[in-house]
Amino acid sequence: MNPKEWLRFYMEMAQWFGVEGLYFPSAKEPPDASSPPAQQGRAASEQGEKGEVVRAQPSLASAPQAGLFGEEEASELLVVPTEDRRKALHVIEEAVANCTKCPLAQTRTKVVPGVGDPHAQLMLIGEAPGAQEDKRGLPFVGPAGQLLTKMLSAIQIQREAVYITNVVKCRPPRNRDPQPEEIASCRPFLQAQLRLISPKVILALGAFAARTILSKPPKVSLSSLRGKVWELHSGKLLVIATYHPSALLRYPQYKKLAWQDLQLLQRTLSSLSSQEA
């Protein structure tokens, strides 16, 4: 993409996100969809453009509030070789394909383990596969996936350079929210992917993924988690939460805030690159 093409694409994406020109003012948080109409006007909160750094203290309780990090018995974790990451990821994919631990194994068409660069610094984690993903066995391939590719390109990130997966590896019927036992069944696979790829940054797509990664209870809203850089493992792993692309397609009022989150992600990755230089 030459400079003119890049500028045109950048402006088109900025226009889609509802941003005027190349200056991106801060915007107020839209109300949670679950808030009563009378409270929505008061629910908005100002988010800083630079993003607050928060040290998260996730705990690994049992299934309903289970997070991803903590002490586990060795028998509950996958043992994955790390010499060849692609081969190791294939081991995980085979384990997912053979999994029958929860009822989703009976209703899925294909498992959707994940796809991308096994050496990626950035890992994108969504909620669960949708209908198109269930048919093809790949994450984010429908309209939301097409938007995700454009969102990454808008901050000069190629989709092939990241690793993309979901909290749950099989599609829940009728796209319902995953159940605690389904999350618990898939958790070792996601843990293994994280430990193998060792990303520096996770972009959590949607409230469900953000709450799972940060070990937050269901009552915690995405608006309270986004706009910040969360630190896990004493800052060795950073987490940024934003809206799921499918939510942006349904609720245009979230676009400006999603753009702020993308800019925060871009600044965070740039800062990490500068520290390594």
C-alpha atoms as a PDB file:
ATOM      1  CA  MET A   1       0.000   0.000   0.000  1.00  0.00           C
ATOM      2  CA  ASN A   2       1.622   3.242  -1.154  1.00  0.00           C
ATOM      3  CA  PRO A   3       1.352   6.460   0.911  1.00  0.00           C
ATOM      4  CA  LYS A   4      -1.635   7.784  -1.060  1.00  0.00           C
ATOM      5  CA  GLU A   5      -3.520   4.509  -0.762  1.00  0.00           C
ATOM      6  CA  TRP A   6      -2.689   4.322   2.937  1.00  0.00           C
ATOM      7  CA  LEU A   7      -3.908   7.874   3.586  1.00  0.00           C
ATOM      8  CA  ARG A   8      -7.133   7.228   1.681  1.00  0.00           C
ATOM      9  CA  PHE A   9      -7.738   4.009   3.613  1.00  0.00           C
ATOM     10  CA  TYR A  10      -6.915   5.739   6.909  1.00  0.00           C
ATOM     11  CA  MET A  11      -9.388   8.531   6.177  1.00  0.00           C
ATOM     12  CA  GLU A  12     -12.081   6.050   5.154  1.00  0.00           C
ATOM     13  CA  MET A  13     -11.653   4.165   8.426  1.00  0.00           C
ATOM     14  CA  ALA A  14     -11.650   7.395  10.415  1.00  0.00           C
ATOM     15  CA  GLN A  15     -14.880   8.386   8.691  1.00  0.00           C
ATOM     16  CA  TRP A  16     -16.390   4.973   9.448  1.00  0.00           C
ATOM     17  CA  PHE A  17     -15.477   5.383  13.112  1.00  0.00           C
ATOM     18  CA  GLY A  18     -17.189   8.767  13.073  1.00  0.00           C
ATOM     19  CA  VAL A  19     -14.001  10.796  13.486  1.00  0.00           C
ATOM     20  CA  GLU A  20     -13.578  14.088  11.641  1.00  0.00           C
ATOM     21  CA  GLY A  21     -10.277  14.683   9.890  1.00  0.00           C
ATOM     22  CA  LEU A  22      -7.046  13.557  11.504  1.00  0.00           C
ATOM     23  CA  TYR A  23      -7.759  14.998  14.926  1.00  0.00           C
ATOM     24  CA  PHE A  24      -9.405  12.567  17.305  1.00  0.00           C
ATOM     25  CA  PRO A  25     -11.010  14.294  20.313  1.00  0.00           C
ATOM     26  CA  SER A  26     -11.890  12.309  23.401  1.00  0.00           C
ATOM     27  CA  ALA A  27     -15.470  11.099  23.525  1.00  0.00           C
ATOM     28  CA  LYS A  28     -17.777  10.207  26.363  1.00  0.00           C
ATOM     29  CA  GLU A  29     -18.501   6.578  27.088  1.00  0.00           C
ATOM     30  CA  PRO A  30     -21.864   5.503  25.643  1.00  0.00           C
ATOM     31  CA  PRO A  31     -24.249   3.980  28.173  1.00  0.00           C
ATOM     32  CA  ASP A  32     -24.280   0.239  28.710  1.00  0.00           C
ATOM     33  CA  ALA A  33     -26.995  -1.408  26.665  1.00  0.00           C
ATOM     34  CA  SER A  34     -28.278  -2.964  29.883  1.00  0.00           C
ATOM     35  CA  SER A  35     -28.773   0.393  31.629  1.00  0.00           C
ATOM     36  CA  PRO A  36     -32.366   1.604  32.044  1.00  0.00           C
ATOM     37  CA  PRO A  37     -33.207   4.483  29.645  1.00  0.00           C
ATOM     38  CA  ALA A  38     -33.595   6.929  32.525  1.00  0.00           C
ATOM     39  CA  GLN A  39     -30.054   6.199  33.669  1.00  0.00           C
ATOM     40  CA  GLN A  40     -28.337   6.152  30.285  1.00  0.00           C
ATOM     41  CA  GLY A  41     -27.675   9.851  30.220  1.00  0.00           C
ATOM     42  CA  ARG A  42     -25.804   9.615  33.525  1.00  0.00           C
ATOM     43  CA  ALA A  43     -23.979   6.379  32.685  1.00  0.00           C
ATOM     44  CA  ALA A  44     -21.407   7.939  30.359  1.00  0.00           C
ATOM     45  CA  SER A  45     -17.908   8.480  31.732  1.00  0.00           C
ATOM     46  CA  GLU A  46     -14.959  10.384  30.329  1.00  0.00           C
ATOM     47  CA  GLN A  47     -11.998   8.282  29.163  1.00  0.00           C
ATOM     48  CA  GLY A  48      -8.501   9.723  28.916  1.00  0.00           C
ATOM     49  CA  GLU A  49      -6.835   9.572  25.515  1.00  0.00           C
ATOM     50  CA  LYS A  50      -3.565   8.151  26.854  1.00  0.00           C
ATOM     51  CA  GLY A  51      -5.160   5.284  28.752  1.00  0.00           C
ATOM     52  CA  GLU A  52      -4.708   4.411  32.389  1.00  0.00           C
ATOM     53  CA  VAL A  53      -2.337   1.601  33.372  1.00  0.00           C
ATOM     54  CA  VAL A  54      -3.957  -0.790  35.829  1.00  0.00           C
ATOM     55  CA  ARG A  55      -2.327  -3.729  37.574  1.00  0.00           C
ATOM     56  CA  ALA A  56      -4.839  -6.547  37.482  1.00  0.00           C
ATOM     57  CA  GLN A  57      -4.885  -9.178  40.193  1.00  0.00           C
ATOM     58  CA  PRO A  58      -6.751 -12.066  38.582  1.00  0.00           C
ATOM     59  CA  SER A  59      -7.480 -15.146  40.647  1.00  0.00           C
ATOM     60  CA  LEU A  60      -8.222 -18.630  39.430  1.00  0.00           C
ATOM     61  CA  ALA A  61     -11.345 -19.588  41.289  1.00  0.00           C
ATOM     62  CA  SER A  62     -13.439 -22.502  40.120  1.00  0.00           C
ATOM     63  CA  ALA A  63     -15.525 -22.455  36.953  1.00  0.00           C
ATOM     64  CA  PRO A  64     -18.068 -19.583  37.245  1.00  0.00           C
ATOM     65  CA  GLN A  65     -15.463 -16.846  37.837  1.00  0.00           C
ATOM     66  CA  ALA A  66     -12.440 -18.698  36.480  1.00  0.00           C
ATOM     67  CA  GLY A  67      -9.719 -16.620  34.896  1.00  0.00           C
ATOM     68  CA  LEU A  68      -6.771 -17.761  32.841  1.00  0.00           C
ATOM     69  CA  PHE A  69      -3.805 -17.372  35.134  1.00  0.00           C
ATOM     70  CA  GLY A  70      -2.830 -18.889  38.419  1.00  0.00           C
ATOM     71  CA  GLU A  71      -1.653 -22.048  40.119  1.00  0.00           C
ATOM     72  CA  GLU A  72      -2.988 -25.232  38.575  1.00  0.00           C
ATOM     73  CA  GLU A  73      -2.340 -28.894  39.090  1.00  0.00           C
ATOM     74  CA  ALA A  74      -0.069 -30.249  36.379  1.00  0.00           C
ATOM     75  CA  SER A  75      -2.671 -32.802  35.349  1.00  0.00           C
ATOM     76  CA  GLU A  76      -5.075 -30.003  34.376  1.00  0.00           C
ATOM     77  CA  LEU A  77      -2.680 -28.335  31.939  1.00  0.00           C
ATOM     78  CA  LEU A  78      -1.603 -29.350  28.471  1.00  0.00           C
ATOM     79  CA  VAL A  79       2.093 -30.128  28.168  1.00  0.00           C
ATOM     80  CA  VAL A  80       3.155 -28.498  24.911  1.00  0.00           C
ATOM     81  CA  PRO A  81       6.648 -28.570  23.381  1.00  0.00           C
ATOM     82  CA  THR A  82       8.009 -25.109  22.632  1.00  0.00           C
ATOM     83  CA  GLU A  83      10.918 -25.849  20.269  1.00  0.00           C
ATOM     84  CA  ASP A  84       8.741 -25.605  17.170  1.00  0.00           C
ATOM     85  CA  ARG A  85       5.757 -23.373  17.839  1.00  0.00           C
ATOM     86  CA  ARG A  86       3.846 -24.270  14.694  1.00  0.00           C
ATOM     87  CA  LYS A  87       4.068 -27.963  15.483  1.00  0.00           C
ATOM     88  CA  ALA A  88       3.135 -27.240  19.073  1.00  0.00           C
ATOM     89  CA  LEU A  89       0.090 -25.241  17.975  1.00  0.00           C
ATOM     90  CA  HIS A  90      -0.896 -28.200  15.822  1.00  0.00           C
ATOM     91  CA  VAL A  91      -0.779 -30.348  18.962  1.00  0.00           C
ATOM     92  CA  ILE A  92      -3.228 -27.938  20.607  1.00  0.00           C
ATOM     93  CA  GLU A  93      -5.458 -27.929  17.519  1.00  0.00           C
ATOM     94  CA  GLU A  94      -5.615 -31.725  17.540  1.00  0.00           C
ATOM     95  CA  ALA A  95      -6.478 -31.688  21.234  1.00  0.00           C
ATOM     96  CA  VAL A  96      -9.303 -29.218  20.568  1.00  0.00           C
ATOM     97  CA  ALA A  97     -10.580 -31.310  17.649  1.00  0.00           C
ATOM     98  CA  ASN A  98     -10.721 -34.409  19.843  1.00  0.00           C
ATOM     99  CA  CYS A  99     -12.314 -32.660  22.821  1.00  0.00           C
ATOM    100  CA  THR A 100     -15.704 -33.955  23.976  1.00  0.00           C
ATOM    101  CA  LYS A 101     -15.667 -32.482  27.494  1.00  0.00           C
ATOM    102  CA  CYS A 102     -18.773 -30.326  27.112  1.00  0.00           C
ATOM    103  CA  PRO A 103     -22.086 -30.452  25.177  1.00  0.00           C
ATOM    104  CA  LEU A 104     -20.776 -28.108  22.463  1.00  0.00           C
ATOM    105  CA  ALA A 105     -18.968 -31.109  20.972  1.00  0.00           C
ATOM    106  CA  GLN A 106     -22.373 -32.516  20.011  1.00  0.00           C
ATOM    107  CA  THR A 107     -23.614 -29.410  18.179  1.00  0.00           C
ATOM    108  CA  ARG A 108     -20.494 -28.022  16.482  1.00  0.00           C
ATOM    109  CA  THR A 109     -19.729 -28.396  12.786  1.00  0.00           C
ATOM    110  CA  LYS A 110     -16.024 -27.646  13.155  1.00  0.00           C
ATOM    111  CA  VAL A 111     -13.785 -26.664  16.026  1.00  0.00           C
ATOM    112  CA  VAL A 112     -12.175 -23.228  15.797  1.00  0.00           C
ATOM    113  CA  PRO A 113      -8.833 -23.408  17.658  1.00  0.00           C
ATOM    114  CA  GLY A 114      -7.219 -20.221  16.330  1.00  0.00           C
ATOM    115  CA  VAL A 115      -5.046 -18.931  13.525  1.00  0.00           C
ATOM    116  CA  GLY A 116      -2.091 -16.618  13.005  1.00  0.00           C
ATOM    117  CA  ASP A 117       1.575 -16.045  13.701  1.00  0.00           C
ATOM    118  CA  PRO A 118       2.872 -18.357  16.451  1.00  0.00           C
ATOM    119  CA  HIS A 119       5.474 -15.709  17.312  1.00  0.00           C
ATOM    120  CA  ALA A 120       2.982 -12.828  17.437  1.00  0.00           C
ATOM    121  CA  GLN A 121       3.455 -10.019  19.941  1.00  0.00           C
ATOM    122  CA  LEU A 122      -0.270  -9.275  19.749  1.00  0.00           C
ATOM    123  CA  MET A 123      -2.974 -11.837  20.465  1.00  0.00           C
ATOM    124  CA  LEU A 124      -6.657 -11.136  19.804  1.00  0.00           C
ATOM    125  CA  ILE A 125      -9.175 -13.053  21.893  1.00  0.00           C
ATOM    126  CA  GLY A 126     -12.893 -13.028  21.200  1.00  0.00           C
ATOM    127  CA  GLU A 127     -15.824 -14.770  22.839  1.00  0.00           C
ATOM    128  CA  ALA A 128     -16.791 -17.787  20.727  1.00  0.00           C
ATOM    129  CA  PRO A 129     -17.162 -18.794  17.068  1.00  0.00           C
ATOM    130  CA  GLY A 130     -20.225 -17.713  15.118  1.00  0.00           C
ATOM    131  CA  ALA A 131     -22.060 -19.435  12.280  1.00  0.00           C
ATOM    132  CA  GLN A 132     -19.482 -18.682   9.569  1.00  0.00           C
ATOM    133  CA  GLU A 133     -16.607 -19.657  11.845  1.00  0.00           C
ATOM    134  CA  ASP A 134     -18.367 -22.917  12.724  1.00  0.00           C
ATOM    135  CA  LYS A 135     -18.634 -23.763   9.018  1.00  0.00           C
ATOM    136  CA  ARG A 136     -15.034 -22.938   8.129  1.00  0.00           C
ATOM    137  CA  GLY A 137     -13.126 -23.745  11.311  1.00  0.00           C
ATOM    138  CA  LEU A 138     -11.436 -20.321  11.369  1.00  0.00           C
ATOM    139  CA  PRO A 139     -12.002 -17.384  13.742  1.00  0.00           C
ATOM    140  CA  PHE A 140     -13.472 -14.060  12.602  1.00  0.00           C
ATOM    141  CA  VAL A 141     -14.271 -14.865   8.965  1.00  0.00           C
ATOM    142  CA  GLY A 142     -17.776 -13.377   8.705  1.00  0.00           C
ATOM    143  CA  PRO A 143     -18.731  -9.682   8.472  1.00  0.00           C
ATOM    144  CA  ALA A 144     -17.273  -9.045  11.946  1.00  0.00           C
ATOM    145  CA  GLY A 145     -14.032 -10.654  10.818  1.00  0.00           C
ATOM    146  CA  GLN A 146     -13.861  -8.452   7.743  1.00  0.00           C
ATOM    147  CA  LEU A 147     -14.302  -5.408   9.951  1.00  0.00           C
ATOM    148  CA  LEU A 148     -11.619  -6.700  12.317  1.00  0.00           C
ATOM    149  CA  THR A 149      -9.154  -6.927   9.433  1.00  0.00           C
ATOM    150  CA  LYS A 150      -9.900  -3.302   8.516  1.00  0.00           C
ATOM    151  CA  MET A 151      -9.569  -2.202  12.137  1.00  0.00           C
ATOM    152  CA  LEU A 152      -6.107  -3.743  12.345  1.00  0.00           C
ATOM    153  CA  SER A 153      -5.078  -2.251   9.010  1.00  0.00           C
ATOM    154  CA  ALA A 154      -6.165   1.179  10.234  1.00  0.00           C
ATOM    155  CA  ILE A 155      -3.389   1.049  12.841  1.00  0.00           C
ATOM    156  CA  GLN A 156      -0.903  -0.520  10.414  1.00  0.00           C
ATOM    157  CA  ILE A 157      -1.176  -4.081  11.686  1.00  0.00           C
ATOM    158  CA  GLN A 158      -1.503  -6.947   9.246  1.00  0.00           C
ATOM    159  CA  ARG A 159      -3.884  -9.693  10.291  1.00  0.00           C
ATOM    160  CA  GLU A 160      -1.261 -12.307   9.400  1.00  0.00           C
ATOM    161  CA  ALA A 161       1.103 -10.800  11.996  1.00  0.00           C
ATOM    162  CA  VAL A 162      -1.173 -11.486  14.980  1.00  0.00           C
ATOM    163  CA  TYR A 163      -2.701 -14.589  16.529  1.00  0.00           C
ATOM    164  CA  ILE A 164      -6.500 -14.744  16.752  1.00  0.00           C
ATOM    165  CA  THR A 165      -8.570 -17.088  18.871  1.00  0.00           C
ATOM    166  CA  ASN A 166     -11.605 -17.232  21.155  1.00  0.00           C
ATOM    167  CA  VAL A 167     -12.234 -18.067  24.783  1.00  0.00           C
ATOM    168  CA  VAL A 168     -14.449 -20.965  23.661  1.00  0.00           C
ATOM    169  CA  LYS A 169     -13.404 -23.047  20.659  1.00  0.00           C
ATOM    170  CA  CYS A 170     -16.839 -24.313  19.544  1.00  0.00           C
ATOM    171  CA  ARG A 171     -19.937 -22.370  18.583  1.00  0.00           C
ATOM    172  CA  PRO A 172     -22.626 -22.185  21.271  1.00  0.00           C
ATOM    173  CA  PRO A 173     -26.067 -22.947  19.767  1.00  0.00           C
ATOM    174  CA  ARG A 174     -27.872 -19.842  18.478  1.00  0.00           C
ATOM    175  CA  ASN A 175     -24.809 -17.786  19.433  1.00  0.00           C
ATOM    176  CA  ARG A 176     -25.796 -17.768  23.103  1.00  0.00           C
ATOM    177  CA  ASP A 177     -23.247 -16.860  25.786  1.00  0.00           C
ATOM    178  CA  PRO A 178     -20.888 -19.702  26.709  1.00  0.00           C
ATOM    179  CA  GLN A 179     -21.747 -21.525  29.920  1.00  0.00           C
ATOM    180  CA  PRO A 180     -19.300 -21.867  32.853  1.00  0.00           C
ATOM    181  CA  GLU A 181     -18.632 -25.549  32.161  1.00  0.00           C
ATOM    182  CA  GLU A 182     -17.882 -24.760  28.512  1.00  0.00           C
ATOM    183  CA  ILE A 183     -15.418 -22.068  29.528  1.00  0.00           C
ATOM    184  CA  ALA A 184     -13.790 -24.440  31.994  1.00  0.00           C
ATOM    185  CA  SER A 185     -13.449 -27.131  29.322  1.00  0.00           C
ATOM    186  CA  CYS A 186     -11.747 -24.750  26.889  1.00  0.00           C
ATOM    187  CA  ARG A 187      -9.608 -22.934  29.431  1.00  0.00           C
ATOM    188  CA  PRO A 188      -6.602 -25.331  29.227  1.00  0.00           C
ATOM    189  CA  PHE A 189      -6.460 -24.816  25.456  1.00  0.00           C
ATOM    190  CA  LEU A 190      -6.351 -21.031  25.764  1.00  0.00           C
ATOM    191  CA  GLN A 191      -3.808 -21.260  28.567  1.00  0.00           C
ATOM    192  CA  ALA A 192      -1.617 -23.456  26.389  1.00  0.00           C
ATOM    193  CA  GLN A 193      -1.904 -21.041  23.453  1.00  0.00           C
ATOM    194  CA  LEU A 194      -0.951 -18.105  25.656  1.00  0.00           C
ATOM    195  CA  ARG A 195       2.028 -19.870  27.195  1.00  0.00           C
ATOM    196  CA  LEU A 196       3.260 -21.107  23.830  1.00  0.00           C
ATOM    197  CA  ILE A 197       2.888 -17.867  21.866  1.00  0.00           C
ATOM    198  CA  SER A 198       3.824 -15.624  24.804  1.00  0.00           C
ATOM    199  CA  PRO A 199       2.289 -12.430  23.394  1.00  0.00           C
ATOM    200  CA  LYS A 200       3.215  -9.096  24.906  1.00  0.00           C
ATOM    201  CA  VAL A 201      -0.279  -7.662  24.441  1.00  0.00           C
ATOM    202  CA  ILE A 202      -3.775  -9.144  24.387  1.00  0.00           C
ATOM    203  CA  LEU A 203      -6.636  -7.283  22.727  1.00  0.00           C
ATOM    204  CA  ALA A 204      -9.813  -8.597  24.347  1.00  0.00           C
ATOM    205  CA  LEU A 205     -12.732  -8.274  21.939  1.00  0.00           C
ATOM    206  CA  GLY A 206     -15.970  -7.773  23.816  1.00  0.00           C
ATOM    207  CA  ALA A 207     -17.102  -7.821  27.418  1.00  0.00           C
ATOM    208  CA  PHE A 208     -17.176 -11.588  27.726  1.00  0.00           C
ATOM    209  CA  ALA A 209     -13.562 -12.035  26.618  1.00  0.00           C
ATOM    210  CA  ALA A 210     -12.387  -9.093  28.726  1.00  0.00           C
ATOM    211  CA  ARG A 211     -14.068 -10.385  31.872  1.00  0.00           C
ATOM    212  CA  THR A 212     -12.688 -13.887  31.324  1.00  0.00           C
ATOM    213  CA  ILE A 213      -9.112 -12.732  30.757  1.00  0.00           C
ATOM    214  CA  LEU A 214      -9.159 -10.269  33.645  1.00  0.00           C
ATOM    215  CA  SER A 215     -11.124 -12.573  35.971  1.00  0.00           C
ATOM    216  CA  LYS A 216     -13.956 -10.109  36.453  1.00  0.00           C
ATOM    217  CA  PRO A 217     -17.485 -11.105  37.529  1.00  0.00           C
ATOM    218  CA  PRO A 218     -20.406 -10.940  35.064  1.00  0.00           C
ATOM    219  CA  LYS A 219     -21.719  -7.680  36.536  1.00  0.00           C
ATOM    220  CA  VAL A 220     -18.588  -5.776  35.424  1.00  0.00           C
ATOM    221  CA  SER A 221     -19.291  -3.784  32.259  1.00  0.00           C
ATOM    222  CA  LEU A 222     -16.978  -3.386  29.313  1.00  0.00           C
ATOM    223  CA  SER A 223     -17.111   0.391  29.771  1.00  0.00           C
ATOM    224  CA  SER A 224     -15.292  -0.031  33.091  1.00  0.00           C
ATOM    225  CA  LEU A 225     -12.587  -2.217  31.524  1.00  0.00           C
ATOM    226  CA  ARG A 226     -11.812  -0.424  28.256  1.00  0.00           C
ATOM    227  CA  GLY A 227      -9.701   2.718  27.885  1.00  0.00           C
ATOM    228  CA  LYS A 228      -6.996   1.239  30.146  1.00  0.00           C
ATOM    229  CA  VAL A 229      -3.886  -0.884  29.851  1.00  0.00           C
ATOM    230  CA  TRP A 230      -4.147  -3.778  32.292  1.00  0.00           C
ATOM    231  CA  GLU A 231      -0.948  -5.366  33.563  1.00  0.00           C
ATOM    232  CA  LEU A 232      -0.728  -9.086  34.283  1.00  0.00           C
ATOM    233  CA  HIS A 233       2.293 -11.018  35.512  1.00  0.00           C
ATOM    234  CA  SER A 234       3.991  -7.865  36.848  1.00  0.00           C
ATOM    235  CA  GLY A 235       3.658  -6.098  33.528  1.00  0.00           C
ATOM    236  CA  LYS A 236       4.967  -8.950  31.378  1.00  0.00           C
ATOM    237  CA  LEU A 237       1.567  -9.239  29.712  1.00  0.00           C
ATOM    238  CA  LEU A 238      -0.624  -6.246  28.883  1.00  0.00           C
ATOM    239  CA  VAL A 239      -4.350  -6.409  28.182  1.00  0.00           C
ATOM    240  CA  ILE A 240      -6.501  -3.854  26.364  1.00  0.00           C
ATOM    241  CA  ALA A 241     -10.255  -4.362  26.107  1.00  0.00           C
ATOM    242  CA  THR A 242     -12.473  -3.029  23.352  1.00  0.00           C
ATOM    243  CA  TYR A 243     -15.774  -3.679  21.638  1.00  0.00           C
ATOM    244  CA  HIS A 244     -16.347  -6.827  19.622  1.00  0.00           C
ATOM    245  CA  PRO A 245     -16.541  -6.026  15.886  1.00  0.00           C
ATOM    246  CA  SER A 246     -20.047  -7.501  15.741  1.00  0.00           C
ATOM    247  CA  ALA A 247     -21.125  -4.976  18.394  1.00  0.00           C
ATOM    248  CA  LEU A 248     -19.733  -2.153  16.269  1.00  0.00           C
ATOM    249  CA  LEU A 249     -21.811  -3.361  13.331  1.00  0.00           C
ATOM    250  CA  ARG A 250     -24.960  -3.343  15.476  1.00  0.00           C
ATOM    251  CA  TYR A 251     -24.308  -0.263  17.607  1.00  0.00           C
ATOM    252  CA  PRO A 252     -22.606   2.561  15.673  1.00  0.00           C
ATOM    253  CA  GLN A 253     -22.449   4.747  18.801  1.00  0.00           C
ATOM    254  CA  TYR A 254     -19.481   2.682  20.023  1.00  0.00           C
ATOM    255  CA  LYS A 255     -17.292   3.400  16.994  1.00  0.00           C
ATOM    256  CA  LYS A 256     -15.454   6.442  18.343  1.00  0.00           C
ATOM    257  CA  LEU A 257     -14.580   4.660  21.556  1.00  0.00           C
ATOM    258  CA  ALA A 258     -13.363   1.626  19.637  1.00  0.00           C
ATOM    259  CA  TRP A 259     -11.131   3.963  17.640  1.00  0.00           C
ATOM    260  CA  GLN A 260      -9.691   5.342  20.879  1.00  0.00           C
ATOM    261  CA  ASP A 261      -8.975   1.777  21.987  1.00  0.00           C
ATOM    262  CA  LEU A 262      -7.213   1.009  18.715  1.00  0.00           C
ATOM    263  CA  GLN A 263      -5.072   4.105  19.114  1.00  0.00           C
ATOM    264  CA  LEU A 264      -4.254   3.046  22.671  1.00  0.00           C
ATOM    265  CA  LEU A 265      -3.233  -0.359  21.327  1.00  0.00           C
ATOM    266  CA  GLN A 266      -1.056   1.277  18.678  1.00  0.00           C
ATOM    267  CA  ARG A 267       0.679   3.483  21.245  1.00  0.00           C
ATOM    268  CA  THR A 268       1.215   0.538  23.573  1.00  0.00           C
ATOM    269  CA  LEU A 269       2.808  -1.611  20.872  1.00  0.00           C
ATOM    270  CA  SER A 270       4.943   1.318  19.723  1.00  0.00           C
ATOM    271  CA  SER A 271       6.144   1.903  23.273  1.00  0.00           C
ATOM    272  CA  LEU A 272       7.081  -1.760  23.651  1.00  0.00           C
ATOM    273  CA  SER A 273       9.008  -1.650  20.374  1.00  0.00           C
ATOM    274  CA  SER A 274      10.885   1.456  21.521  1.00  0.00           C
ATOM    275  CA  GLN A 275      11.853  -0.248  24.771  1.00  0.00           C
ATOM    276  CA  GLU A 276      13.261  -3.213  22.858  1.00  0.00           C
ATOM    277  CA  ALA A 277      15.246  -1.041  20.427  1.00  0.00           C
END
